[in-house]
Amino acid sequence: MANEASIIELIGKVPGCPMRFSCLDASAIEKGALLQLTTATIREVITHTGADKPIVGIAAHEKVASDGATTITAYTNGIFDITAAAAGAAVIGQMVAGSATVNMFTPADANDLLQGSFIGNVLEAADNDERVAVRVLTLHIGG
């Protein structure tokens, strides 16, 4: 998979404020993938599949399909390099959300905030298809 987020800095009393989520044993999730909630079970995640999906964090490690694992840890607090989508240009400080393209962002709108697809704020101007630093704060749990 392409465009996984890369850690620049983890933030919080517990760095990155990692949270454990459930996932299917059959799921394959790359380290650095944006994770979204599914409706299958409580707190179950899959790799981000498109716009308007509830983003909960960034995969802290790889999950190999059919490896017997049914949980994965997600970072929810930090600064990560993430790629802007083809229509993802953003100005410094702008809020961004998951785009229609997997593991990429676009500028957020009011619906993104209501639907939970908000990722964070860009820390530098982003051109389309450019990789930039994003202050990720998906589920604030203290710190």
Protein backbone atom coordinates (compact mmCIF):
# COMPACT_ATOMS: atom_id res chain seq x y z
CA MET A 1 0.00 0.00 0.00
CA ALA A 2 1.16 3.54 -0.60
CA ASN A 3 1.11 6.83 1.27
CA GLU A 4 1.34 5.51 4.83
CA ALA A 5 1.88 8.19 7.47
CA SER A 6 5.39 8.49 8.91
CA ILE A 7 6.08 9.50 12.51
CA ILE A 8 7.82 12.82 13.05
CA GLU A 9 7.00 13.16 16.77
CA LEU A 10 4.70 11.36 19.20
CA ILE A 11 3.01 13.60 21.78
CA GLY A 12 1.40 13.05 25.17
CA LYS A 13 2.15 11.66 28.62
CA VAL A 14 2.16 8.27 26.94
CA PRO A 15 3.83 9.13 23.60
CA GLY A 16 1.34 9.02 20.75
CA CYS A 17 -1.52 8.23 23.15
CA PRO A 18 -1.88 4.75 21.63
CA MET A 19 -5.28 3.07 21.77
CA ARG A 20 -6.04 -0.59 21.09
CA PHE A 21 -8.81 -1.43 18.64
CA SER A 22 -10.22 -4.72 17.42
CA CYS A 23 -9.82 -5.90 13.83
CA LEU A 24 -10.62 -9.02 11.88
CA ASP A 25 -8.01 -11.79 11.79
CA ALA A 26 -8.32 -11.67 7.98
CA SER A 27 -7.42 -7.95 7.88
CA ALA A 28 -4.08 -6.82 6.46
CA ILE A 29 -3.09 -3.38 7.78
CA GLU A 30 0.18 -1.60 7.01
CA LYS A 31 2.10 0.30 9.68
CA GLY A 32 1.25 3.99 9.23
CA ALA A 33 -2.15 3.38 7.63
CA LEU A 34 -4.99 5.73 8.54
CA LEU A 35 -7.55 3.63 10.42
CA GLN A 36 -11.31 4.02 10.28
CA LEU A 37 -14.06 2.53 12.39
CA THR A 38 -16.35 -0.07 10.83
CA THR A 39 -19.91 -0.87 11.82
CA ALA A 40 -19.24 -4.60 12.23
CA THR A 41 -18.45 -4.59 15.97
CA ILE A 42 -17.59 -2.14 18.72
CA ARG A 43 -14.21 -0.42 18.16
CA GLU A 44 -13.36 -2.49 15.07
CA VAL A 45 -11.06 -0.83 12.54
CA ILE A 46 -9.92 -1.31 8.96
CA THR A 47 -7.55 0.64 6.72
CA HIS A 48 -9.05 3.94 5.58
CA THR A 49 -11.19 3.35 2.47
CA GLY A 50 -12.31 6.83 1.40
CA ALA A 51 -13.88 10.17 2.24
CA ASP A 52 -16.37 10.73 5.05
CA LYS A 53 -15.18 7.79 7.13
CA PRO A 54 -14.57 8.05 10.92
CA ILE A 55 -10.76 8.22 11.30
CA VAL A 56 -9.52 7.02 14.71
CA GLY A 57 -5.75 7.05 14.35
CA ILE A 58 -2.67 5.75 12.59
CA ALA A 59 -1.60 2.10 12.74
CA ALA A 60 1.35 1.77 15.12
CA HIS A 61 2.45 -1.58 13.66
CA GLU A 62 1.74 -3.92 10.77
CA LYS A 63 -1.11 -6.43 11.01
CA VAL A 64 -0.59 -9.42 8.71
CA ALA A 65 -3.73 -11.06 7.28
CA SER A 66 -4.72 -14.33 8.99
CA ASP A 67 -1.94 -14.09 11.60
CA GLY A 68 -4.32 -14.87 14.46
CA ALA A 69 -4.29 -11.29 15.82
CA THR A 70 -7.61 -9.55 16.36
CA THR A 71 -6.32 -6.26 17.75
CA ILE A 72 -4.17 -3.40 16.53
CA THR A 73 -2.80 -0.29 18.22
CA ALA A 74 -3.33 3.18 16.76
CA TYR A 75 -1.50 6.41 17.48
CA THR A 76 -3.95 9.22 18.15
CA ASN A 77 -1.66 12.11 19.06
CA GLY A 78 1.45 13.31 17.24
CA ILE A 79 3.01 14.89 14.20
CA PHE A 80 3.13 12.74 11.07
CA ASP A 81 4.11 13.20 7.44
CA ILE A 82 0.94 12.54 5.43
CA THR A 83 0.30 13.02 1.71
CA ALA A 84 -2.25 15.50 0.36
CA ALA A 85 -4.68 14.09 -2.20
CA ALA A 86 -4.90 15.27 -5.83
CA ALA A 87 -7.32 17.94 -4.56
CA GLY A 88 -5.72 18.23 -1.13
CA ALA A 89 -3.95 21.60 -1.24
CA ALA A 90 -4.13 23.22 2.19
CA VAL A 91 -2.79 26.34 3.89
CA ILE A 92 -0.80 26.35 7.12
CA GLY A 93 -2.99 25.47 10.09
CA GLN A 94 -5.93 24.26 8.01
CA MET A 95 -7.92 21.31 9.35
CA VAL A 96 -7.71 18.20 7.17
CA ALA A 97 -9.71 15.00 6.87
CA GLY A 98 -9.48 11.64 5.14
CA SER A 99 -9.84 11.95 1.38
CA ALA A 100 -11.47 9.69 -1.20
CA THR A 101 -7.94 8.36 -1.85
CA VAL A 102 -6.71 5.86 0.75
CA ASN A 103 -4.23 7.25 3.33
CA MET A 104 -4.37 10.80 1.96
CA PHE A 105 -5.98 14.01 3.20
CA THR A 106 -8.07 16.89 1.86
CA PRO A 107 -9.15 20.13 3.56
CA ALA A 108 -11.85 19.42 6.13
CA ASP A 109 -15.37 20.80 5.98
CA ALA A 110 -18.18 20.89 8.55
CA ASN A 111 -19.38 17.38 7.60
CA ASP A 112 -15.91 15.95 8.25
CA LEU A 113 -16.03 17.26 11.80
CA LEU A 114 -19.51 15.84 12.35
CA GLN A 115 -18.68 12.45 10.79
CA GLY A 116 -15.38 12.06 12.61
CA SER A 117 -13.20 12.00 9.48
CA PHE A 118 -11.07 14.84 10.87
CA ILE A 119 -7.34 13.94 11.05
CA GLY A 120 -5.67 17.13 12.31
CA ASN A 121 -4.08 20.40 11.16
CA VAL A 122 -1.36 20.87 8.55
CA LEU A 123 1.80 22.47 9.94
CA GLU A 124 3.03 23.65 6.53
CA ALA A 125 1.38 24.61 3.26
CA ALA A 126 0.47 21.58 1.16
CA ASP A 127 0.21 21.40 -2.61
CA ASN A 128 -1.76 18.62 -4.28
CA ASP A 129 0.01 15.25 -3.91
CA GLU A 130 2.62 16.74 -1.55
CA ARG A 131 3.76 15.06 1.68
CA VAL A 132 3.66 17.47 4.63
CA ALA A 133 3.66 17.51 8.44
CA VAL A 134 0.22 17.14 10.01
CA ARG A 135 -0.58 17.59 13.71
CA VAL A 136 -2.73 14.51 14.24
CA LEU A 137 -5.22 14.56 17.10
CA THR A 138 -7.96 12.07 16.27
CA LEU A 139 -9.31 10.93 19.64
CA HIS A 140 -7.96 13.10 22.42
CA ILE A 141 -7.57 11.00 25.54
CA GLY A 142 -5.52 13.34 27.66
CA GLY A 143 -1.89 14.26 27.68
